[in-house]
Amino acid sequence: MCSAEPIHCFPVLLNILSNTFLRLFNSTARIRIWTEPFYITQSPEIASDIFFICLTYMLILAAGLPPHFAVSSMEDYKVKS
């Protein structure tokens, strides 16, 4: 009926109770629920663009970190710490 997580079980429980009360009062209406707060409106092209921007940023970061550590250790060597 629902997954074991409380975030999913509570809406399902409310749906079952609401529909039960509607049937008790001879209503033909039904209540439907879903646990996704927003519809997915992004296109796959936007997701791939975001991925490549993040990948480029991480590659630039990865290229800049080793020289930083090398300079830091050279300064420690000069000071003889």
PDB file of N, CA and C in Angstrom:
ATOM      1  N   MET A   1       0.819  -1.188   0.000  1.00  0.00           N
ATOM      2  CA  MET A   1       0.000   0.000   0.000  1.00  0.00           C
ATOM      3  C   MET A   1       0.870   1.263   0.000  1.00  0.00           C
ATOM      4  N   CYS A   2       1.906   1.269   0.843  1.00  0.00           N
ATOM      5  CA  CYS A   2       2.814   2.418   0.864  1.00  0.00           C
ATOM      6  C   CYS A   2       4.173   1.934   1.356  1.00  0.00           C
ATOM      7  N   SER A   3       5.167   2.776   1.165  1.00  0.00           N
ATOM      8  CA  SER A   3       6.500   2.403   1.634  1.00  0.00           C
ATOM      9  C   SER A   3       6.563   2.570   3.150  1.00  0.00           C
ATOM     10  N   ALA A   4       7.645   2.104   3.740  1.00  0.00           N
ATOM     11  CA  ALA A   4       7.765   2.113   5.201  1.00  0.00           C
ATOM     12  C   ALA A   4       8.097   3.489   5.764  1.00  0.00           C
ATOM     13  N   GLU A   5       8.397   4.446   4.918  1.00  0.00           N
ATOM     14  CA  GLU A   5       8.758   5.772   5.402  1.00  0.00           C
ATOM     15  C   GLU A   5       7.508   6.544   5.823  1.00  0.00           C
ATOM     16  N   PRO A   6       7.547   7.212   6.968  1.00  0.00           N
ATOM     17  CA  PRO A   6       6.361   7.954   7.434  1.00  0.00           C
ATOM     18  C   PRO A   6       5.933   9.077   6.498  1.00  0.00           C
ATOM     19  N   ILE A   7       6.882   9.629   5.754  1.00  0.00           N
ATOM     20  CA  ILE A   7       6.522  10.735   4.864  1.00  0.00           C
ATOM     21  C   ILE A   7       5.578  10.271   3.758  1.00  0.00           C
ATOM     22  N   HIS A   8       5.634   8.972   3.414  1.00  0.00           N
ATOM     23  CA  HIS A   8       4.749   8.434   2.395  1.00  0.00           C
ATOM     24  C   HIS A   8       3.490   7.825   3.001  1.00  0.00           C
ATOM     25  N   CYS A   9       3.584   7.254   4.188  1.00  0.00           N
ATOM     26  CA  CYS A   9       2.446   6.554   4.783  1.00  0.00           C
ATOM     27  C   CYS A   9       1.352   7.499   5.259  1.00  0.00           C
ATOM     28  N   PHE A  10       1.705   8.642   5.781  1.00  0.00           N
ATOM     29  CA  PHE A  10       0.694   9.553   6.313  1.00  0.00           C
ATOM     30  C   PHE A  10      -0.263  10.048   5.229  1.00  0.00           C
ATOM     31  N   PRO A  11       0.223  10.503   4.062  1.00  0.00           N
ATOM     32  CA  PRO A  11      -0.731  10.910   3.018  1.00  0.00           C
ATOM     33  C   PRO A  11      -1.598   9.750   2.532  1.00  0.00           C
ATOM     34  N   VAL A  12      -1.047   8.561   2.450  1.00  0.00           N
ATOM     35  CA  VAL A  12      -1.840   7.413   2.015  1.00  0.00           C
ATOM     36  C   VAL A  12      -2.913   7.090   3.045  1.00  0.00           C
ATOM     37  N   LEU A  13      -2.561   7.154   4.324  1.00  0.00           N
ATOM     38  CA  LEU A  13      -3.533   6.910   5.381  1.00  0.00           C
ATOM     39  C   LEU A  13      -4.663   7.944   5.324  1.00  0.00           C
ATOM     40  N   LEU A  14      -4.322   9.206   5.132  1.00  0.00           N
ATOM     41  CA  LEU A  14      -5.352  10.244   5.016  1.00  0.00           C
ATOM     42  C   LEU A  14      -6.236  10.015   3.802  1.00  0.00           C
ATOM     43  N   ASN A  15      -5.653   9.566   2.722  1.00  0.00           N
ATOM     44  CA  ASN A  15      -6.432   9.278   1.520  1.00  0.00           C
ATOM     45  C   ASN A  15      -7.421   8.150   1.777  1.00  0.00           C
ATOM     46  N   ILE A  16      -6.965   7.096   2.431  1.00  0.00           N
ATOM     47  CA  ILE A  16      -7.845   5.962   2.729  1.00  0.00           C
ATOM     48  C   ILE A  16      -8.984   6.399   3.642  1.00  0.00           C
ATOM     49  N   LEU A  17      -8.660   7.160   4.694  1.00  0.00           N
ATOM     50  CA  LEU A  17      -9.696   7.624   5.615  1.00  0.00           C
ATOM     51  C   LEU A  17     -10.686   8.573   4.936  1.00  0.00           C
ATOM     52  N   SER A  18     -10.187   9.481   4.134  1.00  0.00           N
ATOM     53  CA  SER A  18     -11.063  10.437   3.453  1.00  0.00           C
ATOM     54  C   SER A  18     -12.006   9.738   2.489  1.00  0.00           C
ATOM     55  N   ASN A  19     -11.474   8.809   1.711  1.00  0.00           N
ATOM     56  CA  ASN A  19     -12.321   8.083   0.769  1.00  0.00           C
ATOM     57  C   ASN A  19     -13.324   7.189   1.499  1.00  0.00           C
ATOM     58  N   THR A  20     -12.950   6.656   2.652  1.00  0.00           N
ATOM     59  CA  THR A  20     -13.885   5.854   3.438  1.00  0.00           C
ATOM     60  C   THR A  20     -15.038   6.714   3.934  1.00  0.00           C
ATOM     61  N   PHE A  21     -14.728   7.917   4.435  1.00  0.00           N
ATOM     62  CA  PHE A  21     -15.790   8.808   4.897  1.00  0.00           C
ATOM     63  C   PHE A  21     -16.680   9.252   3.732  1.00  0.00           C
ATOM     64  N   LEU A  22     -16.082   9.470   2.561  1.00  0.00           N
ATOM     65  CA  LEU A  22     -16.892   9.839   1.403  1.00  0.00           C
ATOM     66  C   LEU A  22     -17.854   8.716   1.030  1.00  0.00           C
ATOM     67  N   ARG A  23     -17.387   7.468   1.081  1.00  0.00           N
ATOM     68  CA  ARG A  23     -18.267   6.338   0.768  1.00  0.00           C
ATOM     69  C   ARG A  23     -19.371   6.188   1.802  1.00  0.00           C
ATOM     70  N   LEU A  24     -19.045   6.466   3.078  1.00  0.00           N
ATOM     71  CA  LEU A  24     -20.071   6.377   4.122  1.00  0.00           C
ATOM     72  C   LEU A  24     -21.209   7.371   3.908  1.00  0.00           C
ATOM     73  N   PHE A  25     -20.883   8.521   3.352  1.00  0.00           N
ATOM     74  CA  PHE A  25     -21.898   9.548   3.111  1.00  0.00           C
ATOM     75  C   PHE A  25     -22.456   9.474   1.695  1.00  0.00           C
ATOM     76  N   ASN A  26     -22.263   8.327   1.023  1.00  0.00           N
ATOM     77  CA  ASN A  26     -22.821   8.053  -0.312  1.00  0.00           C
ATOM     78  C   ASN A  26     -22.389   9.071  -1.365  1.00  0.00           C
ATOM     79  N   SER A  27     -21.164   9.481  -1.315  1.00  0.00           N
ATOM     80  CA  SER A  27     -20.643  10.415  -2.295  1.00  0.00           C
ATOM     81  C   SER A  27     -19.959   9.635  -3.411  1.00  0.00           C
ATOM     82  N   THR A  28     -20.021  10.162  -4.619  1.00  0.00           N
ATOM     83  CA  THR A  28     -19.337   9.517  -5.744  1.00  0.00           C
ATOM     84  C   THR A  28     -17.958  10.120  -5.976  1.00  0.00           C
ATOM     85  N   ALA A  29     -17.634  11.162  -5.254  1.00  0.00           N
ATOM     86  CA  ALA A  29     -16.332  11.814  -5.411  1.00  0.00           C
ATOM     87  C   ALA A  29     -15.240  10.975  -4.755  1.00  0.00           C
ATOM     88  N   ARG A  30     -14.052  11.099  -5.266  1.00  0.00           N
ATOM     89  CA  ARG A  30     -12.885  10.418  -4.711  1.00  0.00           C
ATOM     90  C   ARG A  30     -11.753  11.422  -4.577  1.00  0.00           C
ATOM     91  N   ILE A  31     -10.922  11.220  -3.578  1.00  0.00           N
ATOM     92  CA  ILE A  31      -9.762  12.077  -3.350  1.00  0.00           C
ATOM     93  C   ILE A  31      -8.522  11.302  -3.764  1.00  0.00           C
ATOM     94  N   ARG A  32      -7.685  11.937  -4.548  1.00  0.00           N
ATOM     95  CA  ARG A  32      -6.421  11.323  -4.961  1.00  0.00           C
ATOM     96  C   ARG A  32      -5.277  12.134  -4.387  1.00  0.00           C
ATOM     97  N   ILE A  33      -4.219  11.451  -3.989  1.00  0.00           N
ATOM     98  CA  ILE A  33      -3.048  12.129  -3.435  1.00  0.00           C
ATOM     99  C   ILE A  33      -1.799  11.661  -4.166  1.00  0.00           C
ATOM    100  N   TRP A  34      -0.738  12.416  -4.030  1.00  0.00           N
ATOM    101  CA  TRP A  34       0.572  12.020  -4.516  1.00  0.00           C
ATOM    102  C   TRP A  34       1.606  12.653  -3.605  1.00  0.00           C
ATOM    103  N   THR A  35       2.784  12.085  -3.582  1.00  0.00           N
ATOM    104  CA  THR A  35       3.801  12.557  -2.656  1.00  0.00           C
ATOM    105  C   THR A  35       4.855  13.425  -3.320  1.00  0.00           C
ATOM    106  N   GLU A  36       4.750  13.669  -4.607  1.00  0.00           N
ATOM    107  CA  GLU A  36       5.693  14.565  -5.262  1.00  0.00           C
ATOM    108  C   GLU A  36       5.198  15.993  -5.084  1.00  0.00           C
ATOM    109  N   PRO A  37       6.005  16.869  -4.460  1.00  0.00           N
ATOM    110  CA  PRO A  37       5.527  18.222  -4.218  1.00  0.00           C
ATOM    111  C   PRO A  37       5.425  19.068  -5.489  1.00  0.00           C
ATOM    112  N   PHE A  38       6.263  18.797  -6.489  1.00  0.00           N
ATOM    113  CA  PHE A  38       6.273  19.593  -7.708  1.00  0.00           C
ATOM    114  C   PHE A  38       6.342  18.676  -8.911  1.00  0.00           C
ATOM    115  N   TYR A  39       5.787  19.132  -9.994  1.00  0.00           N
ATOM    116  CA  TYR A  39       5.928  18.400 -11.245  1.00  0.00           C
ATOM    117  C   TYR A  39       7.315  18.673 -11.816  1.00  0.00           C
ATOM    118  N   ILE A  40       7.860  17.729 -12.510  1.00  0.00           N
ATOM    119  CA  ILE A  40       9.175  17.911 -13.121  1.00  0.00           C
ATOM    120  C   ILE A  40       8.982  18.631 -14.446  1.00  0.00           C
ATOM    121  N   THR A  41       9.479  19.848 -14.514  1.00  0.00           N
ATOM    122  CA  THR A  41       9.289  20.645 -15.724  1.00  0.00           C
ATOM    123  C   THR A  41      10.596  20.876 -16.471  1.00  0.00           C
ATOM    124  N   GLN A  42      11.698  20.376 -15.933  1.00  0.00           N
ATOM    125  CA  GLN A  42      12.973  20.597 -16.601  1.00  0.00           C
ATOM    126  C   GLN A  42      13.119  19.653 -17.780  1.00  0.00           C
ATOM    127  N   SER A  43      13.696  20.180 -18.827  1.00  0.00           N
ATOM    128  CA  SER A  43      13.980  19.333 -19.975  1.00  0.00           C
ATOM    129  C   SER A  43      15.328  18.647 -19.758  1.00  0.00           C
ATOM    130  N   PRO A  44      15.573  17.533 -20.431  1.00  0.00           N
ATOM    131  CA  PRO A  44      16.864  16.838 -20.265  1.00  0.00           C
ATOM    132  C   PRO A  44      18.055  17.691 -20.684  1.00  0.00           C
ATOM    133  N   GLU A  45      17.840  18.633 -21.610  1.00  0.00           N
ATOM    134  CA  GLU A  45      18.949  19.485 -22.057  1.00  0.00           C
ATOM    135  C   GLU A  45      19.426  20.380 -20.912  1.00  0.00           C
ATOM    136  N   ILE A  46      18.507  20.888 -20.114  1.00  0.00           N
ATOM    137  CA  ILE A  46      18.889  21.747 -18.991  1.00  0.00           C
ATOM    138  C   ILE A  46      19.681  20.939 -17.968  1.00  0.00           C
ATOM    139  N   ALA A  47      19.250  19.706 -17.702  1.00  0.00           N
ATOM    140  CA  ALA A  47      19.960  18.867 -16.739  1.00  0.00           C
ATOM    141  C   ALA A  47      21.368  18.554 -17.227  1.00  0.00           C
ATOM    142  N   SER A  48      21.525  18.289 -18.523  1.00  0.00           N
ATOM    143  CA  SER A  48      22.872  17.998 -19.031  1.00  0.00           C
ATOM    144  C   SER A  48      23.741  19.253 -19.007  1.00  0.00           C
ATOM    145  N   ASP A  49      23.162  20.420 -19.272  1.00  0.00           N
ATOM    146  CA  ASP A  49      23.931  21.666 -19.197  1.00  0.00           C
ATOM    147  C   ASP A  49      24.415  21.917 -17.771  1.00  0.00           C
ATOM    148  N   ILE A  50      23.548  21.712 -16.795  1.00  0.00           N
ATOM    149  CA  ILE A  50      23.935  21.898 -15.396  1.00  0.00           C
ATOM    150  C   ILE A  50      25.037  20.919 -15.013  1.00  0.00           C
ATOM    151  N   PHE A  51      24.929  19.676 -15.502  1.00  0.00           N
ATOM    152  CA  PHE A  51      25.960  18.678 -15.220  1.00  0.00           C
ATOM    153  C   PHE A  51      27.309  19.115 -15.772  1.00  0.00           C
ATOM    154  N   PHE A  52      27.347  19.596 -17.018  1.00  0.00           N
ATOM    155  CA  PHE A  52      28.622  19.981 -17.612  1.00  0.00           C
ATOM    156  C   PHE A  52      29.196  21.246 -16.968  1.00  0.00           C
ATOM    157  N   ILE A  53      28.353  22.140 -16.521  1.00  0.00           N
ATOM    158  CA  ILE A  53      28.852  23.323 -15.807  1.00  0.00           C
ATOM    159  C   ILE A  53      29.491  22.902 -14.487  1.00  0.00           C
ATOM    160  N   CYS A  54      28.826  22.008 -13.761  1.00  0.00           N
ATOM    161  CA  CYS A  54      29.395  21.529 -12.493  1.00  0.00           C
ATOM    162  C   CYS A  54      30.675  20.739 -12.726  1.00  0.00           C
ATOM    163  N   LEU A  55      30.700  19.927 -13.773  1.00  0.00           N
ATOM    164  CA  LEU A  55      31.897  19.150 -14.093  1.00  0.00           C
ATOM    165  C   LEU A  55      33.068  20.071 -14.417  1.00  0.00           C
ATOM    166  N   THR A  56      32.824  21.109 -15.195  1.00  0.00           N
ATOM    167  CA  THR A  56      33.882  22.065 -15.533  1.00  0.00           C
ATOM    168  C   THR A  56      34.403  22.764 -14.276  1.00  0.00           C
ATOM    169  N   TYR A  57      33.490  23.169 -13.402  1.00  0.00           N
ATOM    170  CA  TYR A  57      33.884  23.821 -12.162  1.00  0.00           C
ATOM    171  C   TYR A  57      34.741  22.900 -11.298  1.00  0.00           C
ATOM    172  N   MET A  58      34.350  21.635 -11.197  1.00  0.00           N
ATOM    173  CA  MET A  58      35.116  20.680 -10.392  1.00  0.00           C
ATOM    174  C   MET A  58      36.491  20.407 -11.004  1.00  0.00           C
ATOM    175  N   LEU A  59      36.567  20.356 -12.322  1.00  0.00           N
ATOM    176  CA  LEU A  59      37.875  20.146 -12.961  1.00  0.00           C
ATOM    177  C   LEU A  59      38.807  21.334 -12.728  1.00  0.00           C
ATOM    178  N   ILE A  60      38.263  22.537 -12.770  1.00  0.00           N
ATOM    179  CA  ILE A  60      39.087  23.720 -12.493  1.00  0.00           C
ATOM    180  C   ILE A  60      39.549  23.706 -11.045  1.00  0.00           C
ATOM    181  N   LEU A  61      38.658  23.329 -10.147  1.00  0.00           N
ATOM    182  CA  LEU A  61      39.036  23.227  -8.744  1.00  0.00           C
ATOM    183  C   LEU A  61      40.109  22.167  -8.535  1.00  0.00           C
ATOM    184  N   ALA A  62      39.947  21.021  -9.180  1.00  0.00           N
ATOM    185  CA  ALA A  62      40.911  19.933  -9.025  1.00  0.00           C
ATOM    186  C   ALA A  62      42.269  20.324  -9.591  1.00  0.00           C
ATOM    187  N   ALA A  63      42.283  21.155 -10.613  1.00  0.00           N
ATOM    188  CA  ALA A  63      43.554  21.593 -11.184  1.00  0.00           C
ATOM    189  C   ALA A  63      44.239  22.620 -10.285  1.00  0.00           C
ATOM    190  N   GLY A  64      43.479  23.348  -9.478  1.00  0.00           N
ATOM    191  CA  GLY A  64      44.073  24.392  -8.655  1.00  0.00           C
ATOM    192  C   GLY A  64      44.495  23.945  -7.277  1.00  0.00           C
ATOM    193  N   LEU A  65      44.005  22.829  -6.797  1.00  0.00           N
ATOM    194  CA  LEU A  65      44.335  22.416  -5.438  1.00  0.00           C
ATOM    195  C   LEU A  65      45.759  21.876  -5.260  1.00  0.00           C
ATOM    196  N   PRO A  66      46.273  21.012  -6.106  1.00  0.00           N
ATOM    197  CA  PRO A  66      47.637  20.506  -5.880  1.00  0.00           C
ATOM    198  C   PRO A  66      48.713  21.588  -5.833  1.00  0.00           C
ATOM    199  N   PRO A  67      48.681  22.604  -6.720  1.00  0.00           N
ATOM    200  CA  PRO A  67      49.686  23.666  -6.583  1.00  0.00           C
ATOM    201  C   PRO A  67      49.569  24.417  -5.256  1.00  0.00           C
ATOM    202  N   HIS A  68      48.377  24.561  -4.756  1.00  0.00           N
ATOM    203  CA  HIS A  68      48.187  25.235  -3.470  1.00  0.00           C
ATOM    204  C   HIS A  68      48.903  24.469  -2.359  1.00  0.00           C
ATOM    205  N   PHE A  69      48.762  23.148  -2.336  1.00  0.00           N
ATOM    206  CA  PHE A  69      49.426  22.355  -1.310  1.00  0.00           C
ATOM    207  C   PHE A  69      50.937  22.346  -1.509  1.00  0.00           C
ATOM    208  N   ALA A  70      51.368  22.360  -2.769  1.00  0.00           N
ATOM    209  CA  ALA A  70      52.813  22.371  -3.038  1.00  0.00           C
ATOM    210  C   ALA A  70      53.441  23.680  -2.562  1.00  0.00           C
ATOM    211  N   VAL A  71      52.802  24.804  -2.820  1.00  0.00           N
ATOM    212  CA  VAL A  71      53.316  26.102  -2.392  1.00  0.00           C
ATOM    213  C   VAL A  71      53.318  26.170  -0.869  1.00  0.00           C
ATOM    214  N   SER A  72      52.288  25.648  -0.255  1.00  0.00           N
ATOM    215  CA  SER A  72      52.205  25.670   1.201  1.00  0.00           C
ATOM    216  C   SER A  72      53.345  24.866   1.818  1.00  0.00           C
ATOM    217  N   SER A  73      53.635  23.692   1.277  1.00  0.00           N
ATOM    218  CA  SER A  73      54.718  22.893   1.842  1.00  0.00           C
ATOM    219  C   SER A  73      56.090  23.520   1.546  1.00  0.00           C
ATOM    220  N   MET A  74      56.230  24.205   0.417  1.00  0.00           N
ATOM    221  CA  MET A  74      57.490  24.894   0.122  1.00  0.00           C
ATOM    222  C   MET A  74      57.725  26.048   1.091  1.00  0.00           C
ATOM    223  N   GLU A  75      56.669  26.761   1.453  1.00  0.00           N
ATOM    224  CA  GLU A  75      56.809  27.852   2.415  1.00  0.00           C
ATOM    225  C   GLU A  75      57.194  27.287   3.782  1.00  0.00           C
ATOM    226  N   ASP A  76      56.634  26.142   4.154  1.00  0.00           N
ATOM    227  CA  ASP A  76      57.003  25.503   5.412  1.00  0.00           C
ATOM    228  C   ASP A  76      58.464  25.078   5.379  1.00  0.00           C
ATOM    229  N   TYR A  77      58.941  24.616   4.220  1.00  0.00           N
ATOM    230  CA  TYR A  77      60.337  24.189   4.090  1.00  0.00           C
ATOM    231  C   TYR A  77      61.269  25.383   4.226  1.00  0.00           C
ATOM    232  N   LYS A  78      60.886  26.526   3.625  1.00  0.00           N
ATOM    233  CA  LYS A  78      61.722  27.727   3.701  1.00  0.00           C
ATOM    234  C   LYS A  78      61.844  28.238   5.133  1.00  0.00           C
ATOM    235  N   VAL A  79      60.758  28.188   5.870  1.00  0.00           N
ATOM    236  CA  VAL A  79      60.744  28.672   7.226  1.00  0.00           C
ATOM    237  C   VAL A  79      61.332  27.640   8.178  1.00  0.00           C
ATOM    238  N   LYS A  80      61.495  26.420   7.716  1.00  0.00           N
ATOM    239  CA  LYS A  80      62.019  25.262   8.469  1.00  0.00           C
ATOM    240  C   LYS A  80      61.117  24.963   9.675  1.00  0.00           C
ATOM    241  N   SER A  81      59.807  24.936   9.363  1.00  0.00           N
ATOM    242  CA  SER A  81      58.880  24.624  10.451  1.00  0.00           C
ATOM    243  C   SER A  81      58.620  23.123  10.558  1.00  0.00           C
TER     244      SER A  81
END
